[in-house]
Amino acid sequence: MTLTFIFDPAVDPALVEGFAQLWTDVSNAGGAVGFVPPVTIEDVRPELDKHLAAAAEGRSRLLVGRDTDGRVRAAAVIAPNQHRLQKHGAWVYTVMVDPALQGRGLGRELMTAVADAARAIGGIEALRLGCRGGAGLERFYEACGYREVGRVPGAIRVAPGDDRDDVTLLLSLY
């Protein structure tokens, strides 16, 4: 399957519903995107609304991957740093690929599109992202060129007695 990646897509009801459905599906498949299953679209919507508000205010940028039917099948949020001493960097949040499509190289394509989008913003020299340890995500991001630059043991509590490391990774764009 081929996805078309769109940077700064028009935010319309179809995009909002598609993003919300993707986030719900990824979460319920065990994806480490801020929730623990089971979740509903209603659980996800307040967090999505925060991303959409930040995009509307220019504090973040959306990247979506659509299939040939126009369905949102991948997404990420790029948030350029706002602090005057850190404007040369950005954070990447809510990286998702439809669980039905995982294992086909689309995650790597998404991360390439994220780096390309960050370069298009201009002035961004590095991307940072955080991931939940214990799910193999570090290996995926390292295969995409990121390197681990920080780890806080047990900072993410998935469930009572199930604490995971909060891992920070960095990609130099130049």
C-alpha atoms as a PDB file:
ATOM      1  CA  MET A   1       0.000   0.000   0.000  1.00  0.00           C
ATOM      2  CA  THR A   2       1.139   3.499  -0.797  1.00  0.00           C
ATOM      3  CA  LEU A   3       0.378   6.492   1.380  1.00  0.00           C
ATOM      4  CA  THR A   4       0.435  10.111   0.363  1.00  0.00           C
ATOM      5  CA  PHE A   5       1.875  12.266   3.135  1.00  0.00           C
ATOM      6  CA  ILE A   6       0.346  15.708   3.520  1.00  0.00           C
ATOM      7  CA  PHE A   7       2.020  18.379   5.626  1.00  0.00           C
ATOM      8  CA  ASP A   8      -0.335  20.984   7.112  1.00  0.00           C
ATOM      9  CA  PRO A   9      -3.487  19.364   5.716  1.00  0.00           C
ATOM     10  CA  ALA A  10      -6.769  21.247   5.708  1.00  0.00           C
ATOM     11  CA  VAL A  11      -8.470  20.527   9.006  1.00  0.00           C
ATOM     12  CA  ASP A  12     -11.981  19.474   8.116  1.00  0.00           C
ATOM     13  CA  PRO A  13     -14.434  17.041   9.729  1.00  0.00           C
ATOM     14  CA  ALA A  14     -13.079  14.113   7.680  1.00  0.00           C
ATOM     15  CA  LEU A  15      -9.526  14.754   8.882  1.00  0.00           C
ATOM     16  CA  VAL A  16     -10.630  15.135  12.503  1.00  0.00           C
ATOM     17  CA  GLU A  17     -12.667  11.929  12.422  1.00  0.00           C
ATOM     18  CA  GLY A  18      -9.940  10.037  10.571  1.00  0.00           C
ATOM     19  CA  PHE A  19      -7.244  11.175  12.997  1.00  0.00           C
ATOM     20  CA  ALA A  20      -9.436  10.303  15.988  1.00  0.00           C
ATOM     21  CA  GLN A  21     -10.241   6.862  14.576  1.00  0.00           C
ATOM     22  CA  LEU A  22      -6.577   6.170  13.814  1.00  0.00           C
ATOM     23  CA  TRP A  23      -5.537   7.219  17.326  1.00  0.00           C
ATOM     24  CA  THR A  24      -8.226   5.001  18.835  1.00  0.00           C
ATOM     25  CA  ASP A  25      -7.261   2.015  16.666  1.00  0.00           C
ATOM     26  CA  VAL A  26      -3.540   2.409  17.403  1.00  0.00           C
ATOM     27  CA  SER A  27      -4.212   2.746  21.141  1.00  0.00           C
ATOM     28  CA  ASN A  28      -6.464  -0.310  21.220  1.00  0.00           C
ATOM     29  CA  ALA A  29      -3.835  -2.330  19.357  1.00  0.00           C
ATOM     30  CA  GLY A  30      -1.387  -1.540  22.179  1.00  0.00           C
ATOM     31  CA  GLY A  31       0.365   1.384  20.507  1.00  0.00           C
ATOM     32  CA  ALA A  32       2.271   3.629  22.909  1.00  0.00           C
ATOM     33  CA  VAL A  33       0.554   6.901  21.974  1.00  0.00           C
ATOM     34  CA  GLY A  34      -0.574   8.215  25.333  1.00  0.00           C
ATOM     35  CA  PHE A  35      -3.336   5.778  26.223  1.00  0.00           C
ATOM     36  CA  VAL A  36      -3.745   2.259  27.550  1.00  0.00           C
ATOM     37  CA  PRO A  37      -6.497   0.137  25.985  1.00  0.00           C
ATOM     38  CA  PRO A  38      -9.382   0.010  25.879  1.00  0.00           C
ATOM     39  CA  VAL A  39     -10.124   3.524  24.656  1.00  0.00           C
ATOM     40  CA  THR A  40     -12.910   5.101  22.651  1.00  0.00           C
ATOM     41  CA  ILE A  41     -12.906   8.026  20.266  1.00  0.00           C
ATOM     42  CA  GLU A  42     -14.416  10.066  23.097  1.00  0.00           C
ATOM     43  CA  ASP A  43     -11.336   9.281  25.232  1.00  0.00           C
ATOM     44  CA  VAL A  44      -8.984  10.397  22.461  1.00  0.00           C
ATOM     45  CA  ARG A  45     -10.875  13.485  21.309  1.00  0.00           C
ATOM     46  CA  PRO A  46      -9.746  15.893  24.115  1.00  0.00           C
ATOM     47  CA  GLU A  47      -6.085  15.147  23.336  1.00  0.00           C
ATOM     48  CA  LEU A  48      -6.721  15.503  19.614  1.00  0.00           C
ATOM     49  CA  ASP A  49      -8.440  18.816  20.271  1.00  0.00           C
ATOM     50  CA  LYS A  50      -5.260  20.001  22.029  1.00  0.00           C
ATOM     51  CA  HIS A  51      -3.171  19.089  18.974  1.00  0.00           C
ATOM     52  CA  LEU A  52      -5.650  20.824  16.652  1.00  0.00           C
ATOM     53  CA  ALA A  53      -5.709  23.961  18.814  1.00  0.00           C
ATOM     54  CA  ALA A  54      -1.906  24.082  18.852  1.00  0.00           C
ATOM     55  CA  ALA A  55      -1.867  23.710  15.058  1.00  0.00           C
ATOM     56  CA  ALA A  56      -4.480  26.462  14.648  1.00  0.00           C
ATOM     57  CA  GLU A  57      -2.339  28.733  16.849  1.00  0.00           C
ATOM     58  CA  GLY A  58       0.834  27.910  14.888  1.00  0.00           C
ATOM     59  CA  ARG A  59       2.498  26.083  17.786  1.00  0.00           C
ATOM     60  CA  SER A  60       2.527  22.738  15.980  1.00  0.00           C
ATOM     61  CA  ARG A  61       2.129  21.266  12.513  1.00  0.00           C
ATOM     62  CA  LEU A  62       0.235  18.168  11.434  1.00  0.00           C
ATOM     63  CA  LEU A  63       1.453  15.481   9.064  1.00  0.00           C
ATOM     64  CA  VAL A  64      -0.962  12.817   7.840  1.00  0.00           C
ATOM     65  CA  GLY A  65      -0.615   9.856   5.529  1.00  0.00           C
ATOM     66  CA  ARG A  66      -3.690   9.084   3.453  1.00  0.00           C
ATOM     67  CA  ASP A  67      -4.415   5.990   1.402  1.00  0.00           C
ATOM     68  CA  THR A  68      -5.821   6.102  -2.133  1.00  0.00           C
ATOM     69  CA  ASP A  69      -9.344   6.389  -0.699  1.00  0.00           C
ATOM     70  CA  GLY A  70      -8.314   9.468   1.316  1.00  0.00           C
ATOM     71  CA  ARG A  71      -8.487   7.653   4.647  1.00  0.00           C
ATOM     72  CA  VAL A  72      -6.036   8.787   7.356  1.00  0.00           C
ATOM     73  CA  ARG A  73      -3.729   5.826   7.888  1.00  0.00           C
ATOM     74  CA  ALA A  74      -0.683   7.485   9.486  1.00  0.00           C
ATOM     75  CA  ALA A  75      -0.022  10.690  11.403  1.00  0.00           C
ATOM     76  CA  ALA A  76       2.465  12.670  13.455  1.00  0.00           C
ATOM     77  CA  VAL A  77       2.595  16.096  15.064  1.00  0.00           C
ATOM     78  CA  ILE A  78       5.650  18.330  14.779  1.00  0.00           C
ATOM     79  CA  ALA A  79       5.986  21.047  17.425  1.00  0.00           C
ATOM     80  CA  PRO A  80       8.796  23.547  16.824  1.00  0.00           C
ATOM     81  CA  ASN A  81      10.331  24.676  20.107  1.00  0.00           C
ATOM     82  CA  GLN A  82       8.964  28.030  21.198  1.00  0.00           C
ATOM     83  CA  HIS A  83      11.747  29.047  23.570  1.00  0.00           C
ATOM     84  CA  ARG A  84      14.064  31.607  21.968  1.00  0.00           C
ATOM     85  CA  LEU A  85      17.158  29.531  22.818  1.00  0.00           C
ATOM     86  CA  GLN A  86      15.726  26.314  21.367  1.00  0.00           C
ATOM     87  CA  LYS A  87      14.072  27.435  18.134  1.00  0.00           C
ATOM     88  CA  HIS A  88      16.503  25.298  16.139  1.00  0.00           C
ATOM     89  CA  GLY A  89      14.750  22.145  17.358  1.00  0.00           C
ATOM     90  CA  ALA A  90      11.314  20.560  17.330  1.00  0.00           C
ATOM     91  CA  TRP A  91       9.480  17.764  19.104  1.00  0.00           C
ATOM     92  CA  VAL A  92       7.605  14.976  17.356  1.00  0.00           C
ATOM     93  CA  TYR A  93       4.447  13.670  19.027  1.00  0.00           C
ATOM     94  CA  THR A  94       1.739  11.095  18.452  1.00  0.00           C
ATOM     95  CA  VAL A  95       3.518   9.055  15.768  1.00  0.00           C
ATOM     96  CA  MET A  96       1.015   6.512  14.433  1.00  0.00           C
ATOM     97  CA  VAL A  97       0.525   4.017  11.623  1.00  0.00           C
ATOM     98  CA  ASP A  98      -2.715   2.066  11.224  1.00  0.00           C
ATOM     99  CA  PRO A  99      -2.179  -1.300  12.967  1.00  0.00           C
ATOM    100  CA  ALA A 100      -3.553  -3.098   9.894  1.00  0.00           C
ATOM    101  CA  LEU A 101      -0.673  -1.655   7.850  1.00  0.00           C
ATOM    102  CA  GLN A 102       2.228  -2.096  10.252  1.00  0.00           C
ATOM    103  CA  GLY A 103       5.190  -4.179   9.154  1.00  0.00           C
ATOM    104  CA  ARG A 104       5.115  -2.814   5.582  1.00  0.00           C
ATOM    105  CA  GLY A 105       7.711  -0.056   5.967  1.00  0.00           C
ATOM    106  CA  LEU A 106       5.129   2.701   6.345  1.00  0.00           C
ATOM    107  CA  GLY A 107       6.474   3.715   9.747  1.00  0.00           C
ATOM    108  CA  ARG A 108       9.859   4.431   8.203  1.00  0.00           C
ATOM    109  CA  GLU A 109       8.152   6.330   5.383  1.00  0.00           C
ATOM    110  CA  LEU A 110       6.276   8.370   7.980  1.00  0.00           C
ATOM    111  CA  MET A 111       9.476   9.200   9.852  1.00  0.00           C
ATOM    112  CA  THR A 112      11.164  10.233   6.596  1.00  0.00           C
ATOM    113  CA  ALA A 113       8.173  12.468   5.850  1.00  0.00           C
ATOM    114  CA  VAL A 114       8.446  13.948   9.375  1.00  0.00           C
ATOM    115  CA  ALA A 115      12.114  14.829   8.789  1.00  0.00           C
ATOM    116  CA  ASP A 116      11.310  16.294   5.364  1.00  0.00           C
ATOM    117  CA  ALA A 117       8.474  18.362   6.843  1.00  0.00           C
ATOM    118  CA  ALA A 118      10.743  19.662   9.617  1.00  0.00           C
ATOM    119  CA  ARG A 119      13.320  20.696   7.038  1.00  0.00           C
ATOM    120  CA  ALA A 120      10.565  22.491   5.086  1.00  0.00           C
ATOM    121  CA  ILE A 121       9.703  24.538   8.184  1.00  0.00           C
ATOM    122  CA  GLY A 122      13.175  26.017   8.026  1.00  0.00           C
ATOM    123  CA  GLY A 123      15.605  26.602  10.864  1.00  0.00           C
ATOM    124  CA  ILE A 124      14.962  23.172  12.422  1.00  0.00           C
ATOM    125  CA  GLU A 125      18.263  21.350  12.907  1.00  0.00           C
ATOM    126  CA  ALA A 126      17.139  18.448  15.100  1.00  0.00           C
ATOM    127  CA  LEU A 127      14.048  16.509  16.089  1.00  0.00           C
ATOM    128  CA  ARG A 128      13.374  15.047  19.513  1.00  0.00           C
ATOM    129  CA  LEU A 129      10.754  12.550  20.498  1.00  0.00           C
ATOM    130  CA  GLY A 130       9.845  10.584  23.557  1.00  0.00           C
ATOM    131  CA  CYS A 131       8.779   6.984  23.594  1.00  0.00           C
ATOM    132  CA  ARG A 132       7.641   4.429  26.106  1.00  0.00           C
ATOM    133  CA  GLY A 133      10.342   1.912  26.947  1.00  0.00           C
ATOM    134  CA  GLY A 134       9.678  -1.796  26.912  1.00  0.00           C
ATOM    135  CA  ALA A 135       7.812  -1.875  23.611  1.00  0.00           C
ATOM    136  CA  GLY A 136      10.750  -2.084  21.197  1.00  0.00           C
ATOM    137  CA  LEU A 137      10.186   1.459  19.984  1.00  0.00           C
ATOM    138  CA  GLU A 138      13.761   2.502  20.631  1.00  0.00           C
ATOM    139  CA  ARG A 139      14.982  -0.006  18.026  1.00  0.00           C
ATOM    140  CA  PHE A 140      12.480   1.300  15.474  1.00  0.00           C
ATOM    141  CA  TYR A 141      13.475   4.928  15.961  1.00  0.00           C
ATOM    142  CA  GLU A 142      17.185   4.080  15.975  1.00  0.00           C
ATOM    143  CA  ALA A 143      16.669   2.295  12.635  1.00  0.00           C
ATOM    144  CA  CYS A 144      15.195   5.600  11.403  1.00  0.00           C
ATOM    145  CA  GLY A 145      18.391   7.444  12.384  1.00  0.00           C
ATOM    146  CA  TYR A 146      17.460   8.652  15.875  1.00  0.00           C
ATOM    147  CA  ARG A 147      19.785   8.094  18.824  1.00  0.00           C
ATOM    148  CA  GLU A 148      18.897   7.776  22.470  1.00  0.00           C
ATOM    149  CA  VAL A 149      19.887  10.872  24.449  1.00  0.00           C
ATOM    150  CA  GLY A 150      17.988  10.368  27.686  1.00  0.00           C
ATOM    151  CA  ARG A 151      16.071   7.881  29.782  1.00  0.00           C
ATOM    152  CA  VAL A 152      14.013   8.335  32.930  1.00  0.00           C
ATOM    153  CA  PRO A 153      13.459   4.933  34.540  1.00  0.00           C
ATOM    154  CA  GLY A 154       9.901   4.117  35.525  1.00  0.00           C
ATOM    155  CA  ALA A 155       8.508   7.528  34.546  1.00  0.00           C
ATOM    156  CA  ILE A 156       5.504   6.109  32.674  1.00  0.00           C
ATOM    157  CA  ARG A 157       2.976   4.115  34.679  1.00  0.00           C
ATOM    158  CA  VAL A 158       1.009   1.933  32.270  1.00  0.00           C
ATOM    159  CA  ALA A 159      -0.739   0.098  35.111  1.00  0.00           C
ATOM    160  CA  PRO A 160      -0.139  -0.523  38.815  1.00  0.00           C
ATOM    161  CA  GLY A 161       3.157  -2.376  39.010  1.00  0.00           C
ATOM    162  CA  ASP A 162       3.932  -1.765  35.325  1.00  0.00           C
ATOM    163  CA  ASP A 163       6.221   1.233  35.071  1.00  0.00           C
ATOM    164  CA  ARG A 164       8.125   1.951  31.857  1.00  0.00           C
ATOM    165  CA  ASP A 165      11.081   4.141  31.033  1.00  0.00           C
ATOM    166  CA  ASP A 166      10.509   7.480  29.314  1.00  0.00           C
ATOM    167  CA  VAL A 167      13.089   7.450  26.506  1.00  0.00           C
ATOM    168  CA  THR A 168      14.157  10.589  24.617  1.00  0.00           C
ATOM    169  CA  LEU A 169      15.607  10.216  21.134  1.00  0.00           C
ATOM    170  CA  LEU A 170      17.212  12.774  18.830  1.00  0.00           C
ATOM    171  CA  LEU A 171      17.622  13.026  15.059  1.00  0.00           C
ATOM    172  CA  SER A 172      20.068  15.523  13.618  1.00  0.00           C
ATOM    173  CA  LEU A 173      18.676  16.837  10.342  1.00  0.00           C
ATOM    174  CA  TYR A 174      22.015  18.032   8.969  1.00  0.00           C
END
